[in-house]
Amino acid sequence: MASKSGKSSKKDTGEISLTLDSITDLLNHHTARLSAEFKSSFQIVESKLNLIQSTLEHQEERIKSLETAAEDVAQRVTDLEERCSTLQVSNEHLRTKVCDLEGRSRRQNIRVVGLEESVEGTRPSEFFPSFLCEVFGQQVLPTPPEIDRAHRSLAPKPKKGERPRPVIMRLHKYQVKELIIREARKRGTLEYRGQQIRIYEDYPADVVNQRAEYRQVMSDLYNRGLKPSLLYPSRLRIVLPNGEKQWLKSVEEARQCLAHQPPS
């Protein structure tokens, strides 16, 4: 009985031993496979991380490049703004100067509006002295005024029935020009052989636009009895009820002054 039990215990021990060995081998095998898989995964992750790192470095370089370019553009824009500001001031100064020079060159000019086209013929400088004498009469112009030159405005010749072009005349003497303008303002509408005409001073376009802004407010000031005067180029002067003269620098200032005046 003892021998049999001894043989049985040896057999069980061998089976258990074999089973543990196989389990150990299996575990080692799985460990090796897992280790290989981990290494492979880590290599893939590492390669991807390296790619991401490389991409980030590249993007960082590009961002730095863009920042540098943006700073350069910002500096250039700042420089351009400063230059534009300087040029704007210079341009405004030059425009004012050109307008002043143009106005001075027109000081002896008058502008005739409404005169029939081509009535002056081919020698306008000879026609218009007698024309002015006929319009204003011998009491105002006892002798034909001396005219340096005369011409129609530089616009396409109108077709039949269209509005005639204004006539621009340069009088030789400034005093004669002032006399004509004063008389034209006094009479308002003038006539030449049954045709209504008007005579104005010949202002530059910029001055005409500036003076046009005061048209309505001057009418309101006149209705209030403030005796407005628009001096060249566009300086508004009024006479207050107490006889004091006051200069108004803008249309808005004239409206404010009008609002504070009692109704006439």
Protein backbone atom coordinates (compact mmCIF):
# COMPACT_ATOMS: atom_id res chain seq x y z
CA MET A 1 0.00 0.00 0.00
CA ALA A 2 2.86 2.30 0.89
CA SER A 3 4.62 1.67 -2.38
CA LYS A 4 1.56 2.41 -4.39
CA SER A 5 0.95 5.72 -2.66
CA GLY A 6 4.58 6.69 -3.21
CA LYS A 7 4.33 6.05 -6.93
CA SER A 8 1.14 8.08 -7.13
CA SER A 9 2.66 11.12 -5.36
CA LYS A 10 5.67 11.09 -7.71
CA LYS A 11 3.37 11.02 -10.73
CA ASP A 12 1.30 13.99 -9.40
CA THR A 13 4.41 15.97 -8.65
CA GLY A 14 5.67 15.47 -12.19
CA GLU A 15 2.39 16.58 -13.73
CA ILE A 16 2.29 19.67 -11.53
CA SER A 17 5.87 20.44 -12.44
CA LEU A 18 5.18 20.11 -16.13
CA THR A 19 2.13 22.29 -15.85
CA LEU A 20 4.07 25.08 -14.07
CA ASP A 21 6.83 24.91 -16.64
CA SER A 22 4.36 25.23 -19.48
CA ILE A 23 2.65 28.11 -17.75
CA THR A 24 5.99 29.79 -17.18
CA ASP A 25 6.92 29.30 -20.83
CA LEU A 26 3.58 30.63 -21.92
CA LEU A 27 3.96 33.66 -19.69
CA ASN A 28 7.45 34.28 -20.99
CA HIS A 29 6.20 33.94 -24.54
CA HIS A 30 3.38 36.41 -23.95
CA THR A 31 5.75 38.75 -22.16
CA ALA A 32 8.11 38.67 -25.11
CA ARG A 33 5.26 39.31 -27.55
CA LEU A 34 3.86 42.13 -25.42
CA SER A 35 7.32 43.60 -25.09
CA ALA A 36 7.80 43.45 -28.84
CA GLU A 37 4.37 45.01 -29.44
CA PHE A 38 5.07 47.75 -26.89
CA LYS A 39 8.41 48.47 -28.51
CA SER A 40 6.78 48.61 -31.93
CA SER A 41 3.98 50.89 -30.64
CA PHE A 42 6.48 53.10 -28.85
CA GLN A 43 8.51 53.37 -32.04
CA ILE A 44 5.38 54.40 -33.99
CA VAL A 45 4.39 56.90 -31.30
CA GLU A 46 7.95 58.19 -31.14
CA SER A 47 8.08 58.63 -34.92
CA LYS A 48 4.74 60.48 -34.80
CA LEU A 49 5.93 62.64 -31.94
CA ASN A 50 9.09 63.40 -33.87
CA LEU A 51 6.94 64.36 -36.86
CA ILE A 52 4.75 66.57 -34.66
CA GLN A 53 7.83 68.10 -33.08
CA SER A 54 9.28 68.80 -36.51
CA THR A 55 5.98 70.31 -37.65
CA LEU A 56 5.80 72.48 -34.53
CA GLU A 57 9.33 73.70 -35.06
CA HIS A 58 8.51 74.49 -38.68
CA GLN A 59 5.31 76.31 -37.64
CA GLU A 60 7.25 78.18 -34.98
CA GLU A 61 9.72 79.35 -37.60
CA ARG A 62 6.87 80.44 -39.86
CA ILE A 63 5.11 82.27 -37.01
CA LYS A 64 8.34 84.08 -36.16
CA SER A 65 8.73 84.94 -39.83
CA LEU A 66 5.14 86.22 -39.99
CA GLU A 67 5.60 88.23 -36.81
CA THR A 68 8.73 89.81 -38.26
CA ALA A 69 6.92 90.56 -41.51
CA ALA A 70 3.92 91.98 -39.62
CA GLU A 71 6.18 94.21 -37.54
CA ASP A 72 7.91 95.37 -40.71
CA VAL A 73 4.57 96.08 -42.41
CA ALA A 74 3.30 97.89 -39.30
CA GLN A 75 6.40 100.06 -39.26
CA ARG A 76 6.05 100.78 -42.98
CA VAL A 77 2.36 101.63 -42.53
CA THR A 78 3.27 103.98 -39.68
CA ASP A 79 5.89 105.64 -41.87
CA LEU A 80 3.39 105.91 -44.72
CA GLU A 81 0.76 107.43 -42.44
CA GLU A 82 3.25 110.03 -41.25
CA ARG A 83 4.24 110.80 -44.84
CA CYS A 84 0.60 110.95 -45.94
CA SER A 85 -0.17 113.32 -43.07
CA THR A 86 2.75 115.52 -44.09
CA LEU A 87 1.74 115.35 -47.74
CA GLN A 88 -1.85 116.18 -46.85
CA VAL A 89 -0.77 119.32 -45.03
CA SER A 90 1.55 120.25 -47.90
CA ASN A 91 -1.16 119.53 -50.45
CA GLU A 92 -3.68 121.69 -48.58
CA HIS A 93 -1.12 124.48 -48.40
CA LEU A 94 -0.35 124.18 -52.11
CA ARG A 95 -4.05 124.09 -53.02
CA THR A 96 -4.63 127.25 -51.02
CA LYS A 97 -1.64 128.86 -52.66
CA VAL A 98 -2.72 127.81 -56.17
CA CYS A 99 -6.27 129.05 -55.51
CA ASP A 100 -4.87 132.37 -54.28
CA LEU A 101 -2.62 132.70 -57.34
CA GLU A 102 -5.48 131.78 -59.65
CA GLY A 103 -7.71 134.32 -57.93
CA ARG A 104 -5.06 137.02 -58.30
CA SER A 105 -4.68 136.21 -61.99
CA ARG A 106 -8.47 136.70 -62.39
CA ARG A 107 -8.73 139.96 -60.44
CA GLN A 108 -9.30 141.97 -63.62
CA ASN A 109 -11.69 139.45 -65.19
CA ILE A 110 -15.46 139.69 -65.54
CA ARG A 111 -17.85 136.92 -66.55
CA VAL A 112 -20.86 137.59 -68.79
CA VAL A 113 -23.64 134.99 -68.59
CA GLY A 114 -26.55 134.62 -71.01
CA LEU A 115 -25.03 136.33 -74.04
CA GLU A 116 -26.02 134.69 -77.32
CA GLU A 117 -23.44 132.32 -78.73
CA SER A 118 -21.13 133.67 -81.49
CA VAL A 119 -22.60 137.18 -81.30
CA GLU A 120 -19.06 138.53 -80.84
CA GLY A 121 -17.93 137.24 -84.22
CA THR A 122 -14.30 136.43 -84.90
CA ARG A 123 -12.80 139.42 -83.05
CA PRO A 124 -14.16 139.35 -79.50
CA SER A 125 -11.56 141.82 -78.17
CA GLU A 126 -12.90 144.44 -80.56
CA PHE A 127 -16.58 143.62 -80.07
CA PHE A 128 -16.84 143.63 -76.28
CA PRO A 129 -15.66 147.21 -75.56
CA SER A 130 -18.59 148.56 -77.57
CA PHE A 131 -20.81 145.88 -76.05
CA LEU A 132 -20.04 147.13 -72.52
CA CYS A 133 -20.65 150.74 -73.52
CA GLU A 134 -24.02 149.79 -75.00
CA VAL A 135 -25.02 147.82 -71.89
CA PHE A 136 -24.01 150.40 -69.27
CA GLY A 137 -24.41 153.59 -71.28
CA GLN A 138 -22.28 156.69 -71.73
CA GLN A 139 -22.79 157.87 -68.15
CA VAL A 140 -21.00 154.84 -66.73
CA LEU A 141 -18.55 154.18 -69.58
CA PRO A 142 -18.02 157.38 -71.59
CA THR A 143 -15.33 155.65 -73.68
CA PRO A 144 -14.93 151.98 -74.64
CA PRO A 145 -12.84 150.23 -71.96
CA GLU A 146 -9.56 148.67 -72.95
CA ILE A 147 -9.77 144.86 -72.98
CA ASP A 148 -6.66 142.68 -72.99
CA ARG A 149 -8.48 139.57 -74.15
CA ALA A 150 -11.94 138.00 -74.28
CA HIS A 151 -13.14 134.45 -74.97
CA ARG A 152 -15.88 131.96 -74.25
CA SER A 153 -15.43 129.45 -71.42
CA LEU A 154 -13.49 126.32 -72.32
CA ALA A 155 -16.47 124.03 -72.90
CA PRO A 156 -17.84 122.33 -76.04
CA LYS A 157 -19.78 124.69 -78.25
CA PRO A 158 -23.49 124.26 -77.44
CA LYS A 159 -25.98 123.12 -80.03
CA LYS A 160 -28.79 125.33 -81.24
CA GLY A 161 -31.26 126.03 -78.44
CA GLU A 162 -28.82 125.09 -75.67
CA ARG A 163 -27.52 127.49 -73.05
CA PRO A 164 -24.69 129.70 -74.40
CA ARG A 165 -21.25 129.54 -72.86
CA PRO A 166 -20.20 132.34 -70.49
CA VAL A 167 -17.86 135.03 -71.80
CA ILE A 168 -14.70 135.84 -69.83
CA MET A 169 -13.11 139.25 -70.35
CA ARG A 170 -9.90 140.62 -68.92
CA LEU A 171 -10.04 144.39 -68.57
CA HIS A 172 -6.80 146.30 -68.77
CA LYS A 173 -7.58 148.48 -65.73
CA TYR A 174 -8.71 147.06 -62.42
CA GLN A 175 -10.63 150.27 -61.57
CA VAL A 176 -12.80 149.87 -64.69
CA LYS A 177 -13.51 146.27 -63.74
CA GLU A 178 -14.63 147.37 -60.25
CA LEU A 179 -16.85 150.06 -61.77
CA ILE A 180 -18.53 147.52 -64.06
CA ILE A 181 -19.09 145.03 -61.21
CA ARG A 182 -20.56 147.69 -58.91
CA GLU A 183 -22.94 148.89 -61.59
CA ALA A 184 -23.93 145.30 -62.49
CA ARG A 185 -24.75 144.57 -58.84
CA LYS A 186 -26.75 147.77 -58.57
CA ARG A 187 -28.83 147.02 -61.65
CA GLY A 188 -29.19 143.26 -61.14
CA THR A 189 -30.36 141.95 -64.52
CA LEU A 190 -28.89 143.71 -67.57
CA GLU A 191 -30.11 143.83 -71.15
CA TYR A 192 -28.36 143.76 -74.49
CA ARG A 193 -30.64 144.30 -77.49
CA GLY A 194 -33.60 142.73 -75.72
CA GLN A 195 -31.56 139.84 -74.34
CA GLN A 196 -31.17 139.48 -70.57
CA ILE A 197 -27.61 138.97 -69.36
CA ARG A 198 -25.73 139.03 -66.06
CA ILE A 199 -22.20 140.12 -65.24
CA TYR A 200 -20.22 138.67 -62.33
CA GLU A 201 -16.69 138.60 -61.05
CA ASP A 202 -14.65 135.72 -62.42
CA TYR A 203 -13.74 133.58 -59.41
CA PRO A 204 -11.83 130.26 -59.33
CA ALA A 205 -14.00 127.15 -58.99
CA ASP A 206 -12.91 126.53 -55.37
CA VAL A 207 -13.86 130.07 -54.38
CA VAL A 208 -17.22 129.77 -56.15
CA ASN A 209 -17.99 126.60 -54.18
CA GLN A 210 -16.95 128.21 -50.89
CA ARG A 211 -19.09 131.28 -51.51
CA ALA A 212 -22.08 129.17 -52.57
CA GLU A 213 -22.23 127.65 -49.07
CA TYR A 214 -23.09 131.09 -47.63
CA ARG A 215 -25.94 131.83 -50.03
CA GLN A 216 -28.85 130.77 -47.81
CA VAL A 217 -27.44 132.05 -44.53
CA MET A 218 -26.65 135.41 -46.13
CA SER A 219 -30.26 135.72 -47.22
CA ASP A 220 -31.40 134.97 -43.66
CA LEU A 221 -28.94 137.49 -42.21
CA TYR A 222 -30.12 140.12 -44.66
CA ASN A 223 -33.75 139.50 -43.65
CA ARG A 224 -32.71 140.07 -40.03
CA GLY A 225 -31.23 143.42 -40.97
CA LEU A 226 -27.62 142.45 -40.21
CA LYS A 227 -26.23 143.73 -43.55
CA PRO A 228 -24.03 140.74 -44.50
CA SER A 229 -21.05 141.17 -46.83
CA LEU A 230 -19.13 138.27 -48.32
CA LEU A 231 -15.61 139.46 -48.98
CA TYR A 232 -13.03 137.63 -51.05
CA PRO A 233 -12.53 134.72 -50.97
CA SER A 234 -15.32 133.72 -48.55
CA ARG A 235 -15.11 135.91 -45.46
CA LEU A 236 -18.48 136.84 -44.04
CA ARG A 237 -18.92 140.15 -42.30
CA ILE A 238 -22.11 141.43 -40.67
CA VAL A 239 -23.09 144.75 -39.14
CA LEU A 240 -24.87 144.40 -35.78
CA PRO A 241 -27.80 146.65 -34.81
CA ASN A 242 -25.44 148.77 -32.68
CA GLY A 243 -23.26 149.44 -35.73
CA GLU A 244 -20.46 147.08 -34.68
CA LYS A 245 -18.89 144.92 -37.41
CA GLN A 246 -18.40 141.23 -36.74
CA TRP A 247 -16.54 138.57 -38.76
CA LEU A 248 -17.94 135.05 -39.01
CA LYS A 249 -15.52 132.26 -39.89
CA SER A 250 -17.95 129.60 -41.10
CA VAL A 251 -21.53 128.91 -42.11
CA GLU A 252 -22.15 127.16 -38.79
CA GLU A 253 -20.91 130.17 -36.86
CA ALA A 254 -23.20 132.39 -38.96
CA ARG A 255 -26.18 130.18 -38.12
CA GLN A 256 -25.34 130.31 -34.43
CA CYS A 257 -25.13 134.09 -34.61
CA LEU A 258 -28.46 134.14 -36.44
CA ALA A 259 -30.06 132.00 -33.73
CA HIS A 260 -29.03 134.48 -31.01
CA GLN A 261 -30.38 137.50 -32.86
CA PRO A 262 -33.94 138.65 -32.14
CA PRO A 263 -36.34 138.57 -35.10
CA SER A 264 -36.56 141.83 -37.02
